[in-house]
Amino acid sequence: MEPFRQKGSSMASTMARQVLLFIWVLSLSSALGQVSYSIPEEMAKGSLVGSIAQDLGLDLKRLKSGKARIYTGGSAEYIELNKERGVLLIKERIDRETLCGQTTPCALHFQIILENPMQLYRITVEVTDINDNAPMFSKSEMRFEINEMSLAGARFILERAIDHDVGGNGLQSYSLEPTDNFTRADVLQIWSESSSYSVLSASLRRRRGHRNFTARVQL
């Protein structure tokens, strides 16, 4: 009889979880309101996100009596609710690139739940980029052998530089920076031709005493 009791108990527990999940899904469709905020990434812990009580039209007594809390669905909690002040604060510093990679827009989605009576509000916090990553090539030095008789427009493929920032803060252009033994802008040109690589275009004529030269790419 004991194995049967354990099996019955397990089935009852599973059914209870399914019922709770069903109720939760229904509650999502009947949310009382929605509020959106926009914040820059890397804000310090404790920074203000928004005055949620005011924006939802709730008083502080209701937040306390309703045991207001944030529900994230199991994802990391970057935002916390201060019921004494009725505000949302930064709980953990947010790195937009870690959170969303190259995906835009990048946003946190969670709910604020109150009890007695049950109330649910959907909250969206968009995390914007602050240009905190410098673009770089995967290799610090790339070597090309260019024949002195190369025709104008000869192409040499460069791996595209990496920039974890997005939009207007992402990599915009390349330029060649003069060095001690290379100053002629008409010898090489560089531009981005696709999302995966860039192009060096050569128009090189051998000059006496100059068989090798170095060009720096400015990002």
Foldseek 3Di string as FASTA:
>chain_A
DVVVVVVVVVVVVVVVVVVVVVVVVVQVVVAPEEDEFEDEAQDDFFAFGFQQCVVVVHDLVQCVQQVKFKFQPPDDDQWGADSVRNTITGHDGGDQCVQPFADPFGKGWIWIWGVPPTHIYIYIYTYAYDLPWDWAAPDPDDDDDDDQPDAFFDKDKAFDIDDRHYDPSGDDWKAKDDDPQGDDRQAWGKTCDDPTIIIITGDHHDDPPPPDDDIDMDD
